[in-house]
Amino acid sequence: MNPPPIKAARLAAGLTQEALAYGSGLSLSTIEGAESGRNQPTITSLRKIAAFLSVDIVSLIDAPTEAAS
C-alpha cells in the first residue's frame, strides 16, 4: 500500500514531519493529521506544503476511488 500523497512527497524530499512543519510554517499536528487522514488540510495548508516541497498542489491530493458496482 502506498503512503498518502503528502507523506510520499515528504519522504521523497528526505524530510521529517518536523522539518516539513517548520519549513512550511504549519504546526506539527497539522502535518501529522494530514498524513494520517485524521484531518483534511485546507487549501492554504496544501499551498504551503506544495511550495515548500516544490511540488504541484494537485500531487498532494488523494484522488477519490470509485466504489465497485
N, C-alpha and C. Protein backbone atom coordinates (compact mmCIF):
# COMPACT_ATOMS: atom_id res chain seq x y z
N MET A 1 0.83 -1.17 0.00
CA MET A 1 0.00 0.00 0.00
C MET A 1 0.89 1.25 0.00
N ASN A 2 0.56 2.21 -0.83
CA ASN A 2 1.35 3.43 -0.94
C ASN A 2 0.99 4.40 0.18
N PRO A 3 1.99 5.18 0.62
CA PRO A 3 1.68 6.19 1.65
C PRO A 3 0.80 7.29 1.08
N PRO A 4 0.10 8.02 1.94
CA PRO A 4 -0.70 9.16 1.47
C PRO A 4 0.20 10.14 0.71
N PRO A 5 -0.38 10.91 -0.22
CA PRO A 5 0.43 11.78 -1.08
C PRO A 5 1.34 12.77 -0.35
N ILE A 6 0.86 13.38 0.72
CA ILE A 6 1.70 14.34 1.44
C ILE A 6 2.89 13.62 2.07
N LYS A 7 2.64 12.48 2.66
CA LYS A 7 3.72 11.71 3.27
C LYS A 7 4.71 11.25 2.20
N ALA A 8 4.21 10.78 1.07
CA ALA A 8 5.09 10.32 0.00
C ALA A 8 5.98 11.46 -0.50
N ALA A 9 5.40 12.64 -0.66
CA ALA A 9 6.19 13.80 -1.12
C ALA A 9 7.23 14.20 -0.08
N ARG A 10 6.84 14.14 1.20
CA ARG A 10 7.78 14.47 2.27
C ARG A 10 8.94 13.48 2.31
N LEU A 11 8.61 12.19 2.22
CA LEU A 11 9.66 11.17 2.24
C LEU A 11 10.57 11.28 1.02
N ALA A 12 10.00 11.59 -0.13
CA ALA A 12 10.81 11.75 -1.34
C ALA A 12 11.78 12.91 -1.20
N ALA A 13 11.39 13.91 -0.41
CA ALA A 13 12.27 15.06 -0.17
C ALA A 13 13.26 14.78 0.96
N GLY A 14 13.12 13.63 1.60
CA GLY A 14 14.04 13.26 2.68
C GLY A 14 13.83 14.07 3.95
N LEU A 15 12.59 14.45 4.22
CA LEU A 15 12.29 15.30 5.37
C LEU A 15 11.53 14.55 6.45
N THR A 16 11.69 15.01 7.67
CA THR A 16 10.87 14.54 8.78
C THR A 16 9.59 15.37 8.80
N GLN A 17 8.62 14.90 9.57
CA GLN A 17 7.41 15.68 9.74
C GLN A 17 7.73 17.04 10.38
N GLU A 18 8.66 17.03 11.32
CA GLU A 18 9.05 18.27 11.99
C GLU A 18 9.66 19.27 11.00
N ALA A 19 10.51 18.79 10.12
CA ALA A 19 11.15 19.67 9.13
C ALA A 19 10.12 20.23 8.16
N LEU A 20 9.16 19.41 7.75
CA LEU A 20 8.10 19.89 6.86
C LEU A 20 7.24 20.93 7.56
N ALA A 21 6.91 20.68 8.81
CA ALA A 21 6.10 21.64 9.57
C ALA A 21 6.84 22.98 9.68
N TYR A 22 8.09 22.93 10.08
CA TYR A 22 8.88 24.15 10.24
C TYR A 22 9.03 24.89 8.91
N GLY A 23 9.40 24.17 7.88
CA GLY A 23 9.65 24.78 6.57
C GLY A 23 8.42 25.36 5.91
N SER A 24 7.27 24.75 6.18
CA SER A 24 6.04 25.23 5.56
C SER A 24 5.30 26.24 6.43
N GLY A 25 5.78 26.39 7.67
CA GLY A 25 5.14 27.33 8.57
C GLY A 25 3.85 26.80 9.19
N LEU A 26 3.69 25.49 9.17
CA LEU A 26 2.49 24.86 9.73
C LEU A 26 2.86 24.15 11.03
N SER A 27 1.85 23.82 11.81
CA SER A 27 2.12 23.10 13.05
C SER A 27 2.40 21.63 12.76
N LEU A 28 3.11 21.01 13.67
CA LEU A 28 3.39 19.59 13.53
C LEU A 28 2.08 18.80 13.55
N SER A 29 1.12 19.22 14.37
CA SER A 29 -0.16 18.50 14.43
C SER A 29 -0.91 18.61 13.11
N THR A 30 -0.76 19.71 12.38
CA THR A 30 -1.38 19.84 11.06
C THR A 30 -0.79 18.83 10.09
N ILE A 31 0.53 18.71 10.10
CA ILE A 31 1.21 17.76 9.21
C ILE A 31 0.84 16.33 9.59
N GLU A 32 0.88 16.01 10.88
CA GLU A 32 0.53 14.66 11.34
C GLU A 32 -0.90 14.31 10.95
N GLY A 33 -1.82 15.23 11.17
CA GLY A 33 -3.22 14.97 10.84
C GLY A 33 -3.45 14.78 9.36
N ALA A 34 -2.78 15.59 8.56
CA ALA A 34 -2.92 15.50 7.10
C ALA A 34 -2.36 14.17 6.58
N GLU A 35 -1.24 13.74 7.13
CA GLU A 35 -0.63 12.49 6.68
C GLU A 35 -1.41 11.26 7.14
N SER A 36 -2.00 11.34 8.30
CA SER A 36 -2.72 10.18 8.83
C SER A 36 -4.15 10.08 8.33
N GLY A 37 -4.65 11.18 7.77
CA GLY A 37 -6.03 11.19 7.31
C GLY A 37 -7.02 11.61 8.39
N ARG A 38 -6.50 11.93 9.58
CA ARG A 38 -7.38 12.40 10.66
C ARG A 38 -8.02 13.74 10.31
N ASN A 39 -7.27 14.58 9.61
CA ASN A 39 -7.74 15.91 9.25
C ASN A 39 -7.56 16.14 7.76
N GLN A 40 -8.47 16.90 7.18
CA GLN A 40 -8.33 17.32 5.79
C GLN A 40 -7.60 18.67 5.81
N PRO A 41 -6.45 18.76 5.16
CA PRO A 41 -5.75 20.05 5.15
C PRO A 41 -6.52 21.08 4.33
N THR A 42 -6.42 22.33 4.73
CA THR A 42 -7.06 23.41 3.98
C THR A 42 -6.28 23.66 2.70
N ILE A 43 -6.88 24.38 1.79
CA ILE A 43 -6.19 24.75 0.55
C ILE A 43 -4.95 25.58 0.89
N THR A 44 -5.08 26.46 1.87
CA THR A 44 -3.92 27.27 2.28
C THR A 44 -2.79 26.38 2.78
N SER A 45 -3.11 25.38 3.59
CA SER A 45 -2.09 24.46 4.08
C SER A 45 -1.46 23.68 2.93
N LEU A 46 -2.29 23.20 2.02
CA LEU A 46 -1.76 22.47 0.86
C LEU A 46 -0.84 23.35 0.03
N ARG A 47 -1.20 24.61 -0.14
CA ARG A 47 -0.33 25.53 -0.90
C ARG A 47 1.02 25.69 -0.21
N LYS A 48 1.01 25.83 1.10
CA LYS A 48 2.27 26.00 1.85
C LYS A 48 3.14 24.75 1.74
N ILE A 49 2.51 23.59 1.88
CA ILE A 49 3.26 22.33 1.78
C ILE A 49 3.83 22.17 0.37
N ALA A 50 2.99 22.40 -0.64
CA ALA A 50 3.44 22.26 -2.03
C ALA A 50 4.57 23.23 -2.34
N ALA A 51 4.46 24.47 -1.87
CA ALA A 51 5.51 25.46 -2.13
C ALA A 51 6.82 25.03 -1.48
N PHE A 52 6.76 24.58 -0.24
CA PHE A 52 7.99 24.17 0.45
C PHE A 52 8.62 22.95 -0.20
N LEU A 53 7.79 22.01 -0.64
CA LEU A 53 8.31 20.78 -1.26
C LEU A 53 8.60 20.94 -2.75
N SER A 54 8.23 22.10 -3.31
CA SER A 54 8.40 22.36 -4.74
C SER A 54 7.70 21.31 -5.59
N VAL A 55 6.45 21.04 -5.22
CA VAL A 55 5.63 20.10 -5.99
C VAL A 55 4.33 20.78 -6.38
N ASP A 56 3.64 20.20 -7.34
CA ASP A 56 2.33 20.69 -7.76
C ASP A 56 1.32 20.33 -6.67
N ILE A 57 0.47 21.29 -6.32
CA ILE A 57 -0.52 21.07 -5.27
C ILE A 57 -1.42 19.86 -5.58
N VAL A 58 -1.68 19.63 -6.85
CA VAL A 58 -2.55 18.50 -7.25
C VAL A 58 -1.93 17.17 -6.85
N SER A 59 -0.61 17.10 -6.83
CA SER A 59 0.04 15.84 -6.47
C SER A 59 -0.14 15.50 -4.99
N LEU A 60 -0.59 16.46 -4.20
CA LEU A 60 -0.78 16.24 -2.76
C LEU A 60 -2.19 15.82 -2.40
N ILE A 61 -3.06 15.75 -3.41
CA ILE A 61 -4.46 15.45 -3.18
C ILE A 61 -4.73 14.01 -3.57
N ASP A 62 -5.34 13.26 -2.66
CA ASP A 62 -5.73 11.88 -2.95
C ASP A 62 -6.89 11.87 -3.92
N ALA A 63 -6.77 11.14 -5.00
CA ALA A 63 -7.88 11.00 -5.94
C ALA A 63 -8.92 10.07 -5.32
N PRO A 64 -10.18 10.45 -5.36
CA PRO A 64 -11.20 9.55 -4.80
C PRO A 64 -11.29 8.27 -5.62
N THR A 65 -11.57 7.18 -4.93
CA THR A 65 -11.72 5.91 -5.62
C THR A 65 -13.19 5.64 -5.86
N GLU A 66 -13.47 5.05 -6.99
CA GLU A 66 -14.86 4.72 -7.31
C GLU A 66 -15.28 3.46 -6.60
N ALA A 67 -16.46 3.46 -6.10
CA ALA A 67 -16.99 2.26 -5.44
C ALA A 67 -17.27 1.20 -6.52
N ALA A 68 -16.96 -0.01 -6.18
CA ALA A 68 -17.25 -1.10 -7.12
C ALA A 68 -18.74 -1.30 -7.23
N SER A 69 -19.21 -1.50 -8.46
CA SER A 69 -20.66 -1.71 -8.63
C SER A 69 -20.99 -3.15 -8.86
